[in-house]
Amino acid sequence: MKTKDRLTERFLLKISTEYLNFKISVVMKNHEEIYAMAYEIDHIARIYLILQERADQIPAYMLKALYQTPELIKTVYDIWMNHQDSSETELNGFVVKILAMLSDKNTNLKKGA
């Protein structure tokens, strides 16, 4: 198996685990809490699907850096919430930009370590 394929597989496992943990945390909440976080639930699911669909297109160096990002899906969501436009098309493009930013940040942190 190629290094890129292994990195993609690890990345997919990471985001799948994060998404599963998020879903478990939601199930543990009461109906009112779930209703209050409906927007977050919807967008976390969308971000997960975008990451899953684009994993093969992410360069190896970015996969390495993004793998080091704790709570990647939640981090992308939090950054998205500070963004103005919330259309689905925009979310796709914005996720790609966030991934590049986070991978650069993690790469620079490793260089400084």
Foldseek 3Di string as FASTA:
>chain_A
DDPLVVLLVLLLVVLVVLLVVVVVVLVPDDPVVNVVCVVVNVQLVLLSVLCNVCSSVDDSLLSVQCSPDPSSSVVLVVVVVVDDDDDSVVSSVSSVVVSVVSSVVSVVVVVVD
